[in-house]
Structures are given as structure tokens and as C-alpha cells.
Amino acid sequence: MSLPTLPGVATALLKRDLRLMWRRRGDAFQPALFALLVVVLFALSLGGVPQLLAKVAAGVLWLAVLLAGLLALDTLFRGDAEDGSLEQWILAPVPLAWLVAVRVFSHWLTTALPLVIVTPLLGELLQLPHAQLPVLMASLLLGTPLLSLLGAVVAALTVGMRRSGILLALLALPLYVPVLVFGAGSVAASAQGLDAIGALLLLAAGLVIALVLAPIVTAAAIRIALN
């Protein structure tokens, strides 16, 4: 009997996660609805003034995506911990970090990517200048996977705790703030006629580092939490 390959395990886990997401598709839409709610509330609070909305549009969209991702962060490993799947992950004949990386990818695919896709529509609600949209989309495509990877570390640390929602937010927000600053800052720099490449490169560098280190750290945190 041949041992499972890394691509085969990744494909099987990804299919399982997508099937579970489809069965709980009502829960899957919650981050998108929450982001829409944040955008609408900001628009109403500013009175619908186009000039004011255009100035804060990029920051509001980034904040909405960040908070929506934080809302779904507790579900990253919670279900697997409750049904015993995490123990099976540890005993699996593949590296735990690989399984973690696949789970983080599926989480980003089902929570953050839909928000990135609808960002142009949300931008229209906030009167986002069309010239800022390419930079905003680039920053979100670089920043949202980084948020998922950083959040996975915190989710793994708190997976063994009950009612850890507030603690999870308190631990994750300090890690999220630099990503928010560089993400929204790149769009602000572009709006002022400055070069936004520097902030985008910093996001890309953070993403590369997180891709290497975050699954390893998350795997170690899962072992600690389960022991």
C-alpha cells in the first residue's frame, strides 16, 4: 500500500472543506454580509457625501475585509478540534504544517477571496475613485492571505479554549494592524500621486515570510493546545 502524497492529501482535504462549506453555506456568507454592513454603516454615518466617502473608501474597505476575516477566524480549526480531526492530523503520515497550509488556503478561498471579488461593487457604494481600484485590489490580494496566515497562528493557540472569541480578537488585532497600515497606506499613497510599490512590496515580503513560517508555527501551536 503506497503512502499518500502531499498533492493527494491536499486535494482530499480541500474537497472535504469545500463540501462542508457548501453544507453550511449560510455561515459562509456571514463574512460577506458583515463587510457589506460595515460599508453601508460608514456610508450612512458620513451622510452619503461623495467627497467624504471617496477620501475614506480605501480605508473603510480594508477595515471591512479585516473585520470580516476576524469574524470567521474562530471557525478555522474549531470544528476539527471538536470532532477529533486535529488528533488525526497529528497522526497522519504527512507533515502537520502541510495540512495547516491547505486548511488556511481553503479558509482564505471561502472567506477572503469572495470579499476581494466584490470589492469593486463595494467601492462603488463608497464612491471609490476608479484610479485607486487596481492598487486596492493588489493590496487585498497580497494582504488577505497574510491575514489568514497570521490568524491561523492565533486560532491554533486558542483552539483548546471555550468561548475564546474575545481573546482571539485581542491576540489577532495587533498582528493585523501592520497589514492594515501598509494595505490602506498603499492606496493612500497612490491617491496622493506617490509611489505605492514600496507598501505593496512590504506586503509581498510579509506574505512570503508568513508562507514559510506560519504553517510551522501553527502546527506547533496545535500540538501545544491539544496537549
Foldseek 3Di string as FASTA:
>chain_A
DDADDLVRVLVVLLVVLVVVCVVVVVVLCVLVVQLLVQLVVVCVVVPVDLVVLQLCVLLSLLVSLLVSLLVCLLVLCQVCVVVVVLVVLVVGPDDSLSVSLSSLVSSCVRHRVVSLVCSVVSSVSSNHPPQLNVLLSLLSVLLSSLLSLLLLLLSLLCSLPPPCSVVSCVVSVVVNVLSSCLNSVLSVCVVVVHHSVVSSVVSNVSSVVSSPPSSVSSNVSNVVSVD
